[in-house]
């Protein structure tokens, strides 16, 4: 498995985690838990964005991802 593939897998996991945490937030009536889940979801979204940036960088730098025209 290439680095790019591993990064894309981690990106998908981070996006899934963010979605799950957002769902947990909506499913609870406990305001403390709701706040915690929202904060964790935001953190996971930030991680996903950083991973996306890294995926984009790797794909732009690695020759096997460059489009030959």
N, C-alpha and C. Protein backbone atom coordinates (compact mmCIF):
# COMPACT_ATOMS: atom_id res chain seq x y z
N UNK A 1 0.85 -1.17 0.00
CA UNK A 1 0.00 0.00 0.00
C UNK A 1 0.90 1.24 0.00
N UNK A 2 0.60 2.17 -0.88
CA UNK A 2 1.42 3.38 -0.98
C UNK A 2 1.08 4.37 0.12
N UNK A 3 1.95 5.32 0.29
CA UNK A 3 1.71 6.38 1.28
C UNK A 3 0.42 7.12 0.96
N UNK A 4 0.22 7.42 -0.32
CA UNK A 4 -1.01 8.13 -0.71
C UNK A 4 -2.24 7.31 -0.36
N UNK A 5 -2.18 6.00 -0.60
CA UNK A 5 -3.32 5.14 -0.25
C UNK A 5 -3.59 5.14 1.25
N UNK A 6 -2.51 5.08 2.03
CA UNK A 6 -2.66 5.10 3.49
C UNK A 6 -3.24 6.42 3.96
N UNK A 7 -2.78 7.51 3.34
CA UNK A 7 -3.32 8.83 3.70
C UNK A 7 -4.80 8.92 3.35
N UNK A 8 -5.16 8.41 2.18
CA UNK A 8 -6.57 8.45 1.77
C UNK A 8 -7.43 7.60 2.70
N UNK A 9 -6.88 6.48 3.15
CA UNK A 9 -7.61 5.64 4.11
C UNK A 9 -7.79 6.38 5.44
N UNK A 10 -6.74 7.03 5.91
CA UNK A 10 -6.83 7.80 7.15
C UNK A 10 -7.82 8.96 6.99
N UNK A 11 -7.81 9.59 5.82
CA UNK A 11 -8.74 10.69 5.53
C UNK A 11 -10.19 10.21 5.61
N UNK A 12 -10.46 9.08 4.99
CA UNK A 12 -11.82 8.52 5.02
C UNK A 12 -12.23 8.19 6.46
N UNK A 13 -11.30 7.65 7.23
CA UNK A 13 -11.61 7.33 8.64
C UNK A 13 -11.90 8.59 9.44
N UNK A 14 -11.11 9.65 9.21
CA UNK A 14 -11.33 10.91 9.94
C UNK A 14 -12.68 11.51 9.58
N UNK A 15 -13.05 11.45 8.30
CA UNK A 15 -14.35 11.98 7.88
C UNK A 15 -15.49 11.17 8.50
N UNK A 16 -15.31 9.85 8.54
CA UNK A 16 -16.32 9.00 9.16
C UNK A 16 -16.45 9.26 10.65
N UNK A 17 -15.33 9.44 11.31
CA UNK A 17 -15.34 9.75 12.74
C UNK A 17 -16.07 11.07 13.00
N UNK A 18 -15.76 12.08 12.20
CA UNK A 18 -16.41 13.39 12.36
C UNK A 18 -17.93 13.25 12.20
N UNK A 19 -18.35 12.48 11.21
CA UNK A 19 -19.78 12.28 10.99
C UNK A 19 -20.43 11.53 12.16
N UNK A 20 -19.75 10.50 12.64
CA UNK A 20 -20.29 9.74 13.79
C UNK A 20 -20.43 10.64 15.02
N UNK A 21 -19.41 11.44 15.28
CA UNK A 21 -19.46 12.32 16.45
C UNK A 21 -20.58 13.35 16.32
N UNK A 22 -20.79 13.86 15.12
CA UNK A 22 -21.88 14.82 14.89
C UNK A 22 -23.23 14.14 15.15
N UNK A 23 -23.35 12.89 14.72
CA UNK A 23 -24.58 12.13 14.97
C UNK A 23 -24.80 11.92 16.46
N UNK A 24 -23.72 11.56 17.17
CA UNK A 24 -23.84 11.39 18.62
C UNK A 24 -24.33 12.67 19.27
N UNK A 25 -23.82 13.80 18.80
CA UNK A 25 -24.23 15.09 19.33
C UNK A 25 -25.72 15.33 19.15
N UNK A 26 -26.22 14.96 17.99
CA UNK A 26 -27.65 15.18 17.71
C UNK A 26 -28.54 14.19 18.45
N UNK A 27 -27.96 13.04 18.81
CA UNK A 27 -28.76 11.98 19.45
C UNK A 27 -28.88 12.12 20.96
N UNK A 28 -28.16 13.06 21.57
CA UNK A 28 -28.20 13.17 23.02
C UNK A 28 -28.91 14.45 23.46
N UNK A 29 -29.52 14.37 24.61
CA UNK A 29 -30.14 15.54 25.21
C UNK A 29 -29.25 16.16 26.28
N UNK A 30 -28.19 15.46 26.64
CA UNK A 30 -27.24 15.93 27.64
C UNK A 30 -26.39 17.04 27.01
N UNK A 31 -26.55 18.26 27.51
CA UNK A 31 -25.87 19.41 26.91
C UNK A 31 -24.34 19.32 27.02
N UNK A 32 -23.84 18.74 28.11
CA UNK A 32 -22.39 18.57 28.23
C UNK A 32 -21.87 17.59 27.19
N UNK A 33 -22.58 16.50 27.00
CA UNK A 33 -22.18 15.50 26.01
C UNK A 33 -22.30 16.09 24.60
N UNK A 34 -23.36 16.84 24.36
CA UNK A 34 -23.57 17.47 23.06
C UNK A 34 -22.41 18.40 22.73
N UNK A 35 -22.02 19.21 23.70
CA UNK A 35 -20.90 20.13 23.51
C UNK A 35 -19.60 19.37 23.25
N UNK A 36 -19.37 18.31 24.02
CA UNK A 36 -18.16 17.50 23.85
C UNK A 36 -18.13 16.87 22.45
N UNK A 37 -19.25 16.27 22.03
CA UNK A 37 -19.29 15.63 20.71
C UNK A 37 -19.09 16.65 19.59
N UNK A 38 -19.67 17.83 19.74
CA UNK A 38 -19.48 18.87 18.73
C UNK A 38 -18.02 19.31 18.65
N UNK A 39 -17.38 19.46 19.80
CA UNK A 39 -15.98 19.85 19.82
C UNK A 39 -15.11 18.76 19.18
N UNK A 40 -15.37 17.52 19.53
CA UNK A 40 -14.60 16.41 18.96
C UNK A 40 -14.84 16.30 17.45
N UNK A 41 -16.07 16.54 17.02
CA UNK A 41 -16.38 16.50 15.59
C UNK A 41 -15.61 17.59 14.84
N UNK A 42 -15.55 18.77 15.42
CA UNK A 42 -14.79 19.87 14.82
C UNK A 42 -13.31 19.51 14.74
N UNK A 43 -12.78 18.91 15.81
CA UNK A 43 -11.38 18.48 15.79
C UNK A 43 -11.14 17.45 14.69
N UNK A 44 -12.04 16.49 14.55
CA UNK A 44 -11.90 15.47 13.51
C UNK A 44 -11.99 16.10 12.12
N UNK A 45 -12.86 17.10 11.95
CA UNK A 45 -12.94 17.82 10.67
C UNK A 45 -11.62 18.52 10.37
N UNK A 46 -11.01 19.12 11.38
CA UNK A 46 -9.72 19.79 11.20
C UNK A 46 -8.64 18.79 10.81
N UNK A 47 -8.64 17.64 11.44
CA UNK A 47 -7.69 16.59 11.10
C UNK A 47 -7.91 16.14 9.66
N UNK A 48 -9.17 15.96 9.28
CA UNK A 48 -9.48 15.55 7.91
C UNK A 48 -8.97 16.58 6.91
N UNK A 49 -9.11 17.84 7.22
CA UNK A 49 -8.62 18.89 6.32
C UNK A 49 -7.10 18.84 6.19
N UNK A 50 -6.41 18.63 7.29
CA UNK A 50 -4.94 18.51 7.25
C UNK A 50 -4.52 17.29 6.43
N UNK A 51 -5.23 16.18 6.61
CA UNK A 51 -4.92 14.99 5.82
C UNK A 51 -5.19 15.23 4.34
N UNK A 52 -6.28 15.94 4.03
CA UNK A 52 -6.60 16.24 2.64
C UNK A 52 -5.49 17.09 2.01
N UNK A 53 -5.00 18.05 2.77
CA UNK A 53 -3.89 18.88 2.28
C UNK A 53 -2.66 18.02 1.99
N UNK A 54 -2.40 17.07 2.87
CA UNK A 54 -1.23 16.21 2.68
C UNK A 54 -1.42 15.29 1.48
N UNK A 55 -2.62 14.74 1.31
CA UNK A 55 -2.91 13.91 0.13
C UNK A 55 -2.67 14.72 -1.14
N UNK A 56 -3.18 15.93 -1.16
CA UNK A 56 -3.00 16.79 -2.34
C UNK A 56 -1.52 17.04 -2.61
N UNK A 57 -0.76 17.30 -1.55
CA UNK A 57 0.68 17.55 -1.71
C UNK A 57 1.39 16.32 -2.25
N UNK A 58 1.12 15.17 -1.66
CA UNK A 58 1.78 13.93 -2.09
C UNK A 58 1.45 13.65 -3.55
N UNK A 59 0.21 13.82 -3.91
CA UNK A 59 -0.18 13.56 -5.29
C UNK A 59 0.45 14.55 -6.26
N UNK A 60 0.72 15.76 -5.80
CA UNK A 60 1.34 16.74 -6.69
C UNK A 60 2.85 16.53 -6.80
N UNK A 61 3.45 15.91 -5.79
CA UNK A 61 4.91 15.74 -5.76
C UNK A 61 5.39 14.39 -6.29
N UNK A 62 4.58 13.37 -6.15
CA UNK A 62 5.02 12.03 -6.54
C UNK A 62 4.79 11.80 -8.03
N UNK A 63 5.82 11.36 -8.73
CA UNK A 63 5.74 11.19 -10.19
C UNK A 63 4.61 10.26 -10.64
N UNK A 64 4.33 9.21 -9.88
CA UNK A 64 3.30 8.27 -10.32
C UNK A 64 1.89 8.88 -10.33
N UNK A 65 1.72 10.04 -9.65
CA UNK A 65 0.42 10.70 -9.63
C UNK A 65 0.32 11.84 -10.62
N UNK A 66 1.43 12.23 -11.21
CA UNK A 66 1.42 13.32 -12.19
C UNK A 66 0.81 12.81 -13.50
N UNK A 67 -0.04 13.62 -14.06
CA UNK A 67 -0.69 13.27 -15.33
C UNK A 67 0.28 13.50 -16.48
N UNK A 68 0.50 12.49 -17.29
CA UNK A 68 1.34 12.63 -18.48
C UNK A 68 0.45 13.04 -19.65
N UNK A 69 0.80 14.12 -20.32
CA UNK A 69 -0.03 14.60 -21.42
C UNK A 69 0.70 14.52 -22.72
